[in-house]
Amino acid sequence: MEGIPENMTPKYKEMAIRLLTRQLWTEHATMDIFGRAIGLAPTWKDEIRTSRFTKEEGTHTRICADVLEALGVDVDESLRIRGESDAYFDIKTGGMTSWVEVTAFNMIGDRAGSRQITAYENNSLPAWGSKLTGLLEEEAGHQAYGDAMAVKLCN
């Protein structure tokens, strides 16, 4: 894969795998949760937007997975180790049951995700760093929607 340095030290590779694994786990769990949240949306427009977010989180998952596989990681095994998406985010067993819960998850999760990913900008692993601009733009859109929905629900 382009952007993986040939002279990567074992320590650097271990750190990159650790950081990208956490990102993979988060993106994949969010994709799963948003996918199940589509049916909780109050309007068809919210259903469409939640569907789009699900697809975008899938793209983020693929980006992380591609780099991890290039680093020699078995992504399917890694996701098995992570466990269930709801448990990963400490969401009650059975998942979210209301649009208010989805909105809170969206608003808080994407705000935290944007901060985390921003910390990776301009990093020294081109295979990952070169993908962050588009990913951050999508996360900003998710965050703005979560904020807007929270205001709407509070009013």
N, C-alpha and C. Protein backbone atom coordinates (compact mmCIF):
# COMPACT_ATOMS: atom_id res chain seq x y z
N MET A 1 0.85 -1.18 0.00
CA MET A 1 0.00 0.00 0.00
C MET A 1 0.89 1.23 0.00
N GLU A 2 0.49 2.19 -0.82
CA GLU A 2 1.22 3.45 -0.88
C GLU A 2 1.07 4.19 0.45
N GLY A 3 2.16 4.78 0.91
CA GLY A 3 2.12 5.55 2.14
C GLY A 3 2.54 4.79 3.38
N ILE A 4 2.98 3.55 3.22
CA ILE A 4 3.52 2.78 4.34
C ILE A 4 5.04 2.81 4.19
N PRO A 5 5.74 3.48 5.10
CA PRO A 5 7.20 3.57 4.98
C PRO A 5 7.87 2.19 5.05
N GLU A 6 8.82 1.98 4.17
CA GLU A 6 9.53 0.70 4.16
C GLU A 6 10.45 0.55 5.37
N ASN A 7 10.92 1.66 5.91
CA ASN A 7 11.87 1.61 7.02
C ASN A 7 11.19 1.83 8.38
N MET A 8 9.93 1.44 8.50
CA MET A 8 9.18 1.61 9.74
C MET A 8 9.80 0.76 10.84
N THR A 9 10.07 1.37 11.98
CA THR A 9 10.63 0.62 13.10
C THR A 9 9.54 -0.22 13.75
N PRO A 10 9.90 -1.30 14.42
CA PRO A 10 8.88 -2.12 15.10
C PRO A 10 8.05 -1.32 16.12
N LYS A 11 8.67 -0.41 16.86
CA LYS A 11 7.95 0.40 17.84
C LYS A 11 6.94 1.33 17.16
N TYR A 12 7.37 1.94 16.05
CA TYR A 12 6.48 2.84 15.31
C TYR A 12 5.30 2.04 14.75
N LYS A 13 5.59 0.88 14.19
CA LYS A 13 4.53 0.04 13.63
C LYS A 13 3.55 -0.38 14.72
N GLU A 14 4.05 -0.75 15.88
CA GLU A 14 3.20 -1.14 17.00
C GLU A 14 2.29 0.02 17.43
N MET A 15 2.85 1.23 17.50
CA MET A 15 2.07 2.40 17.87
C MET A 15 1.00 2.69 16.82
N ALA A 16 1.38 2.63 15.54
CA ALA A 16 0.43 2.89 14.45
C ALA A 16 -0.71 1.88 14.50
N ILE A 17 -0.40 0.63 14.71
CA ILE A 17 -1.44 -0.41 14.78
C ILE A 17 -2.35 -0.15 15.98
N ARG A 18 -1.78 0.21 17.12
CA ARG A 18 -2.59 0.46 18.32
C ARG A 18 -3.56 1.62 18.08
N LEU A 19 -3.07 2.74 17.54
CA LEU A 19 -3.92 3.91 17.31
C LEU A 19 -4.98 3.63 16.25
N LEU A 20 -4.58 3.01 15.15
CA LEU A 20 -5.54 2.73 14.07
C LEU A 20 -6.55 1.66 14.47
N THR A 21 -6.17 0.74 15.32
CA THR A 21 -7.12 -0.27 15.80
C THR A 21 -8.23 0.39 16.60
N ARG A 22 -7.87 1.31 17.48
CA ARG A 22 -8.90 2.02 18.26
C ARG A 22 -9.82 2.81 17.33
N GLN A 23 -9.24 3.42 16.30
CA GLN A 23 -10.06 4.18 15.35
C GLN A 23 -10.96 3.24 14.56
N LEU A 24 -10.43 2.12 14.12
CA LEU A 24 -11.23 1.11 13.42
C LEU A 24 -12.40 0.68 14.29
N TRP A 25 -12.12 0.34 15.53
CA TRP A 25 -13.17 -0.14 16.42
C TRP A 25 -14.27 0.91 16.58
N THR A 26 -13.87 2.17 16.72
CA THR A 26 -14.83 3.25 16.91
C THR A 26 -15.66 3.48 15.65
N GLU A 27 -15.00 3.56 14.51
CA GLU A 27 -15.72 3.81 13.25
C GLU A 27 -16.69 2.67 12.95
N HIS A 28 -16.24 1.44 13.13
CA HIS A 28 -17.07 0.27 12.84
C HIS A 28 -18.27 0.20 13.79
N ALA A 29 -18.03 0.43 15.08
CA ALA A 29 -19.13 0.40 16.04
C ALA A 29 -20.15 1.50 15.74
N THR A 30 -19.66 2.68 15.36
CA THR A 30 -20.56 3.78 15.02
C THR A 30 -21.39 3.45 13.78
N MET A 31 -20.75 2.83 12.79
CA MET A 31 -21.48 2.40 11.60
C MET A 31 -22.63 1.46 11.98
N ASP A 32 -22.34 0.50 12.83
CA ASP A 32 -23.35 -0.46 13.26
C ASP A 32 -24.49 0.23 14.00
N ILE A 33 -24.14 1.12 14.92
CA ILE A 33 -25.15 1.80 15.72
C ILE A 33 -26.01 2.72 14.86
N PHE A 34 -25.39 3.49 13.97
CA PHE A 34 -26.17 4.36 13.09
C PHE A 34 -27.07 3.52 12.17
N GLY A 35 -26.57 2.39 11.71
CA GLY A 35 -27.38 1.53 10.85
C GLY A 35 -28.65 1.08 11.54
N ARG A 36 -28.52 0.71 12.80
CA ARG A 36 -29.70 0.27 13.56
C ARG A 36 -30.58 1.44 13.96
N ALA A 37 -30.04 2.65 13.95
CA ALA A 37 -30.81 3.84 14.35
C ALA A 37 -31.71 4.38 13.24
N ILE A 38 -31.51 3.93 12.03
CA ILE A 38 -32.30 4.46 10.90
C ILE A 38 -33.80 4.35 11.20
N GLY A 39 -34.22 3.23 11.73
CA GLY A 39 -35.64 3.01 12.02
C GLY A 39 -36.19 3.86 13.15
N LEU A 40 -35.33 4.50 13.93
CA LEU A 40 -35.79 5.36 15.02
C LEU A 40 -35.98 6.81 14.59
N ALA A 41 -35.52 7.14 13.38
CA ALA A 41 -35.59 8.52 12.90
C ALA A 41 -37.05 8.99 12.81
N PRO A 42 -37.32 10.22 13.22
CA PRO A 42 -38.70 10.71 13.23
C PRO A 42 -39.26 11.09 11.85
N THR A 43 -38.39 11.37 10.88
CA THR A 43 -38.86 11.76 9.55
C THR A 43 -38.07 11.00 8.49
N TRP A 44 -38.60 10.99 7.29
CA TRP A 44 -37.88 10.31 6.21
C TRP A 44 -36.57 11.04 5.92
N LYS A 45 -36.52 12.36 6.10
CA LYS A 45 -35.28 13.10 5.88
C LYS A 45 -34.21 12.68 6.90
N ASP A 46 -34.62 12.46 8.13
CA ASP A 46 -33.69 11.98 9.16
C ASP A 46 -33.23 10.56 8.85
N GLU A 47 -34.14 9.75 8.30
CA GLU A 47 -33.77 8.39 7.89
C GLU A 47 -32.69 8.44 6.80
N ILE A 48 -32.88 9.31 5.82
CA ILE A 48 -31.91 9.44 4.72
C ILE A 48 -30.56 9.91 5.26
N ARG A 49 -30.59 10.92 6.12
CA ARG A 49 -29.33 11.45 6.67
C ARG A 49 -28.63 10.39 7.51
N THR A 50 -29.35 9.66 8.33
CA THR A 50 -28.75 8.62 9.16
C THR A 50 -28.19 7.50 8.28
N SER A 51 -28.87 7.21 7.18
CA SER A 51 -28.36 6.23 6.22
C SER A 51 -27.03 6.71 5.62
N ARG A 52 -26.97 8.00 5.28
CA ARG A 52 -25.73 8.56 4.73
C ARG A 52 -24.61 8.49 5.76
N PHE A 53 -24.92 8.83 7.01
CA PHE A 53 -23.90 8.75 8.06
C PHE A 53 -23.40 7.32 8.21
N THR A 54 -24.31 6.37 8.12
CA THR A 54 -23.92 4.96 8.23
C THR A 54 -22.93 4.60 7.12
N LYS A 55 -23.22 5.03 5.90
CA LYS A 55 -22.33 4.78 4.78
C LYS A 55 -20.98 5.45 4.99
N GLU A 56 -20.99 6.69 5.47
CA GLU A 56 -19.73 7.41 5.69
C GLU A 56 -18.91 6.74 6.78
N GLU A 57 -19.55 6.27 7.84
CA GLU A 57 -18.81 5.55 8.88
C GLU A 57 -18.24 4.25 8.31
N GLY A 58 -18.95 3.64 7.37
CA GLY A 58 -18.42 2.47 6.68
C GLY A 58 -17.17 2.81 5.87
N THR A 59 -17.19 3.96 5.22
CA THR A 59 -16.01 4.41 4.47
C THR A 59 -14.84 4.65 5.44
N HIS A 60 -15.11 5.26 6.59
CA HIS A 60 -14.06 5.49 7.58
C HIS A 60 -13.51 4.15 8.08
N THR A 61 -14.40 3.18 8.27
CA THR A 61 -13.97 1.84 8.67
C THR A 61 -13.04 1.24 7.63
N ARG A 62 -13.43 1.37 6.36
CA ARG A 62 -12.61 0.82 5.27
C ARG A 62 -11.23 1.47 5.22
N ILE A 63 -11.17 2.77 5.41
CA ILE A 63 -9.88 3.48 5.39
C ILE A 63 -8.96 2.92 6.47
N CYS A 64 -9.48 2.81 7.68
CA CYS A 64 -8.67 2.25 8.78
C CYS A 64 -8.28 0.80 8.49
N ALA A 65 -9.25 0.03 8.01
CA ALA A 65 -9.00 -1.39 7.74
C ALA A 65 -7.95 -1.59 6.66
N ASP A 66 -8.00 -0.78 5.61
CA ASP A 66 -7.01 -0.91 4.54
C ASP A 66 -5.59 -0.69 5.05
N VAL A 67 -5.41 0.35 5.87
CA VAL A 67 -4.07 0.63 6.41
C VAL A 67 -3.65 -0.48 7.37
N LEU A 68 -4.57 -0.91 8.23
CA LEU A 68 -4.23 -1.98 9.17
C LEU A 68 -3.87 -3.27 8.45
N GLU A 69 -4.62 -3.61 7.41
CA GLU A 69 -4.28 -4.82 6.65
C GLU A 69 -2.91 -4.69 6.01
N ALA A 70 -2.58 -3.50 5.52
CA ALA A 70 -1.25 -3.28 4.94
C ALA A 70 -0.15 -3.42 6.00
N LEU A 71 -0.52 -3.20 7.26
CA LEU A 71 0.43 -3.37 8.36
C LEU A 71 0.43 -4.80 8.90
N GLY A 72 -0.38 -5.68 8.29
CA GLY A 72 -0.39 -7.09 8.66
C GLY A 72 -1.43 -7.50 9.68
N VAL A 73 -2.43 -6.66 9.92
CA VAL A 73 -3.45 -6.95 10.92
C VAL A 73 -4.61 -7.71 10.28
N ASP A 74 -5.12 -8.72 10.97
CA ASP A 74 -6.34 -9.42 10.57
C ASP A 74 -7.51 -8.60 11.11
N VAL A 75 -8.14 -7.81 10.27
CA VAL A 75 -9.18 -6.87 10.70
C VAL A 75 -10.40 -7.60 11.25
N ASP A 76 -10.81 -8.67 10.64
CA ASP A 76 -11.96 -9.41 11.15
C ASP A 76 -11.69 -9.91 12.57
N GLU A 77 -10.51 -10.43 12.80
CA GLU A 77 -10.15 -10.90 14.15
C GLU A 77 -10.12 -9.72 15.13
N SER A 78 -9.60 -8.61 14.70
CA SER A 78 -9.56 -7.42 15.56
C SER A 78 -10.97 -7.00 15.97
N LEU A 79 -11.90 -7.01 15.03
CA LEU A 79 -13.28 -6.63 15.35
C LEU A 79 -13.94 -7.65 16.26
N ARG A 80 -13.58 -8.93 16.13
CA ARG A 80 -14.10 -9.94 17.05
C ARG A 80 -13.60 -9.66 18.47
N ILE A 81 -12.34 -9.27 18.58
CA ILE A 81 -11.76 -8.95 19.89
C ILE A 81 -12.48 -7.77 20.52
N ARG A 82 -12.81 -6.76 19.69
CA ARG A 82 -13.52 -5.58 20.20
C ARG A 82 -14.84 -5.96 20.85
N GLY A 83 -15.56 -6.86 20.24
CA GLY A 83 -16.85 -7.27 20.77
C GLY A 83 -18.00 -6.46 20.20
N GLU A 84 -19.12 -6.53 20.87
CA GLU A 84 -20.36 -5.89 20.41
C GLU A 84 -20.24 -4.36 20.43
N SER A 85 -20.85 -3.74 19.44
CA SER A 85 -20.79 -2.29 19.30
C SER A 85 -21.40 -1.57 20.50
N ASP A 86 -22.56 -2.02 20.96
CA ASP A 86 -23.21 -1.36 22.09
C ASP A 86 -22.32 -1.43 23.33
N ALA A 87 -21.73 -2.57 23.59
CA ALA A 87 -20.86 -2.72 24.76
C ALA A 87 -19.61 -1.84 24.62
N TYR A 88 -19.11 -1.71 23.41
CA TYR A 88 -17.92 -0.88 23.19
C TYR A 88 -18.17 0.56 23.64
N PHE A 89 -19.37 1.08 23.38
CA PHE A 89 -19.72 2.44 23.77
C PHE A 89 -20.50 2.49 25.09
N ASP A 90 -20.63 1.35 25.75
CA ASP A 90 -21.35 1.26 27.02
C ASP A 90 -22.81 1.69 26.87
N ILE A 91 -23.41 1.30 25.75
CA ILE A 91 -24.84 1.52 25.51
C ILE A 91 -25.58 0.31 26.08
N LYS A 92 -26.72 0.56 26.67
CA LYS A 92 -27.47 -0.52 27.32
C LYS A 92 -27.69 -1.70 26.38
N THR A 93 -27.81 -2.87 26.94
CA THR A 93 -28.06 -4.07 26.17
C THR A 93 -29.34 -3.89 25.35
N GLY A 94 -29.28 -4.22 24.08
CA GLY A 94 -30.42 -4.07 23.20
C GLY A 94 -30.37 -2.79 22.38
N GLY A 95 -29.42 -1.94 22.69
CA GLY A 95 -29.22 -0.73 21.90
C GLY A 95 -30.14 0.41 22.26
N MET A 96 -30.03 1.45 21.49
CA MET A 96 -30.83 2.64 21.71
C MET A 96 -32.26 2.38 21.26
N THR A 97 -33.20 3.02 21.95
CA THR A 97 -34.61 2.80 21.64
C THR A 97 -35.36 4.09 21.32
N SER A 98 -34.66 5.23 21.30
CA SER A 98 -35.34 6.49 21.00
C SER A 98 -34.44 7.41 20.18
N TRP A 99 -35.07 8.33 19.47
CA TRP A 99 -34.33 9.30 18.67
C TRP A 99 -33.54 10.25 19.57
N VAL A 100 -34.01 10.49 20.78
CA VAL A 100 -33.28 11.33 21.74
C VAL A 100 -31.94 10.67 22.05
N GLU A 101 -31.94 9.36 22.27
CA GLU A 101 -30.68 8.65 22.54
C GLU A 101 -29.76 8.70 21.33
N VAL A 102 -30.32 8.53 20.14
CA VAL A 102 -29.51 8.59 18.92
C VAL A 102 -28.89 9.98 18.77
N THR A 103 -29.68 11.01 19.02
CA THR A 103 -29.19 12.38 18.91
C THR A 103 -28.05 12.63 19.90
N ALA A 104 -28.22 12.19 21.13
CA ALA A 104 -27.16 12.37 22.13
C ALA A 104 -25.90 11.62 21.72
N PHE A 105 -26.06 10.39 21.24
CA PHE A 105 -24.91 9.61 20.78
C PHE A 105 -24.21 10.33 19.62
N ASN A 106 -25.01 10.81 18.67
CA ASN A 106 -24.47 11.50 17.50
C ASN A 106 -23.72 12.76 17.93
N MET A 107 -24.33 13.56 18.76
CA MET A 107 -23.74 14.84 19.16
C MET A 107 -22.45 14.62 19.96
N ILE A 108 -22.48 13.75 20.93
CA ILE A 108 -21.31 13.53 21.79
C ILE A 108 -20.25 12.71 21.07
N GLY A 109 -20.68 11.64 20.40
CA GLY A 109 -19.72 10.75 19.73
C GLY A 109 -18.97 11.43 18.61
N ASP A 110 -19.66 12.18 17.77
CA ASP A 110 -18.97 12.81 16.65
C ASP A 110 -18.13 14.00 17.09
N ARG A 111 -18.51 14.66 18.17
CA ARG A 111 -17.67 15.72 18.73
C ARG A 111 -16.35 15.11 19.24
N ALA A 112 -16.45 14.02 19.98
CA ALA A 112 -15.24 13.36 20.48
C ALA A 112 -14.42 12.80 19.32
N GLY A 113 -15.10 12.19 18.36
CA GLY A 113 -14.40 11.62 17.20
C GLY A 113 -13.64 12.67 16.41
N SER A 114 -14.27 13.81 16.21
CA SER A 114 -13.60 14.89 15.46
C SER A 114 -12.35 15.36 16.19
N ARG A 115 -12.44 15.50 17.50
CA ARG A 115 -11.26 15.91 18.27
C ARG A 115 -10.14 14.87 18.16
N GLN A 116 -10.51 13.61 18.27
CA GLN A 116 -9.53 12.54 18.21
C GLN A 116 -8.85 12.50 16.84
N ILE A 117 -9.63 12.56 15.78
CA ILE A 117 -9.07 12.48 14.44
C ILE A 117 -8.23 13.72 14.12
N THR A 118 -8.67 14.88 14.60
CA THR A 118 -7.90 16.11 14.38
C THR A 118 -6.49 15.97 14.95
N ALA A 119 -6.37 15.25 16.06
CA ALA A 119 -5.05 15.04 16.66
C ALA A 119 -4.12 14.24 15.75
N TYR A 120 -4.69 13.50 14.80
CA TYR A 120 -3.89 12.69 13.88
C TYR A 120 -3.48 13.45 12.62
N GLU A 121 -4.05 14.64 12.41
CA GLU A 121 -3.71 15.40 11.21
C GLU A 121 -2.20 15.63 11.13
N ASN A 122 -1.70 15.64 9.90
CA ASN A 122 -0.27 15.88 9.66
C ASN A 122 0.63 14.88 10.37
N ASN A 123 0.15 13.65 10.54
CA ASN A 123 0.98 12.64 11.18
C ASN A 123 2.01 12.09 10.19
N SER A 124 2.87 11.25 10.68
CA SER A 124 3.99 10.77 9.86
C SER A 124 3.70 9.48 9.10
N LEU A 125 2.46 9.02 9.10
CA LEU A 125 2.08 7.82 8.35
C LEU A 125 1.20 8.25 7.19
N PRO A 126 1.79 8.49 6.02
CA PRO A 126 1.03 9.03 4.88
C PRO A 126 -0.20 8.20 4.48
N ALA A 127 -0.16 6.89 4.64
CA ALA A 127 -1.30 6.05 4.27
C ALA A 127 -2.54 6.41 5.09
N TRP A 128 -2.36 6.92 6.28
CA TRP A 128 -3.45 7.33 7.16
C TRP A 128 -3.68 8.83 7.05
N GLY A 129 -2.62 9.61 7.19
CA GLY A 129 -2.73 11.07 7.21
C GLY A 129 -3.35 11.65 5.96
N SER A 130 -3.06 11.05 4.82
CA SER A 130 -3.58 11.60 3.55
C SER A 130 -5.10 11.45 3.42
N LYS A 131 -5.70 10.63 4.23
CA LYS A 131 -7.14 10.36 4.16
C LYS A 131 -7.96 11.24 5.12
N LEU A 132 -7.28 11.98 5.99
CA LEU A 132 -7.99 12.62 7.09
C LEU A 132 -8.81 13.85 6.70
N THR A 133 -8.43 14.56 5.65
CA THR A 133 -9.18 15.76 5.29
C THR A 133 -10.63 15.44 4.98
N GLY A 134 -10.87 14.49 4.11
CA GLY A 134 -12.25 14.10 3.77
C GLY A 134 -12.98 13.51 4.94
N LEU A 135 -12.30 12.71 5.71
CA LEU A 135 -12.91 12.08 6.87
C LEU A 135 -13.34 13.13 7.88
N LEU A 136 -12.48 14.13 8.12
CA LEU A 136 -12.82 15.19 9.07
C LEU A 136 -13.99 16.05 8.58
N GLU A 137 -14.08 16.28 7.28
CA GLU A 137 -15.21 17.04 6.73
C GLU A 137 -16.52 16.31 7.01
N GLU A 138 -16.52 14.99 6.82
CA GLU A 138 -17.72 14.21 7.09
C GLU A 138 -18.06 14.23 8.58
N GLU A 139 -17.05 14.08 9.43
CA GLU A 139 -17.29 14.10 10.88
C GLU A 139 -17.84 15.45 11.32
N ALA A 140 -17.36 16.54 10.72
CA ALA A 140 -17.87 17.87 11.05
C ALA A 140 -19.36 17.97 10.69
N GLY A 141 -19.73 17.38 9.56
CA GLY A 141 -21.14 17.35 9.17
C GLY A 141 -21.99 16.55 10.13
N HIS A 142 -21.46 15.42 10.59
CA HIS A 142 -22.18 14.59 11.57
C HIS A 142 -22.37 15.39 12.87
N GLN A 143 -21.29 16.04 13.30
CA GLN A 143 -21.33 16.81 14.54
C GLN A 143 -22.34 17.96 14.44
N ALA A 144 -22.33 18.68 13.34
CA ALA A 144 -23.26 19.81 13.15
C ALA A 144 -24.71 19.33 13.17
N TYR A 145 -24.96 18.19 12.54
CA TYR A 145 -26.32 17.64 12.53
C TYR A 145 -26.73 17.24 13.95
N GLY A 146 -25.84 16.58 14.68
CA GLY A 146 -26.14 16.20 16.06
C GLY A 146 -26.45 17.42 16.92
N ASP A 147 -25.66 18.46 16.75
CA ASP A 147 -25.90 19.70 17.49
C ASP A 147 -27.27 20.29 17.14
N ALA A 148 -27.57 20.36 15.85
CA ALA A 148 -28.85 20.92 15.40
C ALA A 148 -30.04 20.10 15.92
N MET A 149 -29.90 18.78 15.88
CA MET A 149 -30.98 17.92 16.37
C MET A 149 -31.16 18.09 17.87
N ALA A 150 -30.07 18.25 18.61
CA ALA A 150 -30.17 18.44 20.07
C ALA A 150 -30.91 19.73 20.38
N VAL A 151 -30.58 20.78 19.65
CA VAL A 151 -31.28 22.06 19.85
C VAL A 151 -32.76 21.90 19.53
N LYS A 152 -33.07 21.23 18.42
CA LYS A 152 -34.46 21.01 18.01
C LYS A 152 -35.22 20.22 19.08
N LEU A 153 -34.61 19.17 19.60
CA LEU A 153 -35.27 18.35 20.60
C LEU A 153 -35.45 19.10 21.92
N CYS A 154 -34.50 19.95 22.26
CA CYS A 154 -34.60 20.72 23.52
C CYS A 154 -35.66 21.81 23.43
N ASN A 155 -35.87 22.32 22.21
CA ASN A 155 -36.90 23.35 22.04
C ASN A 155 -38.26 22.69 22.04
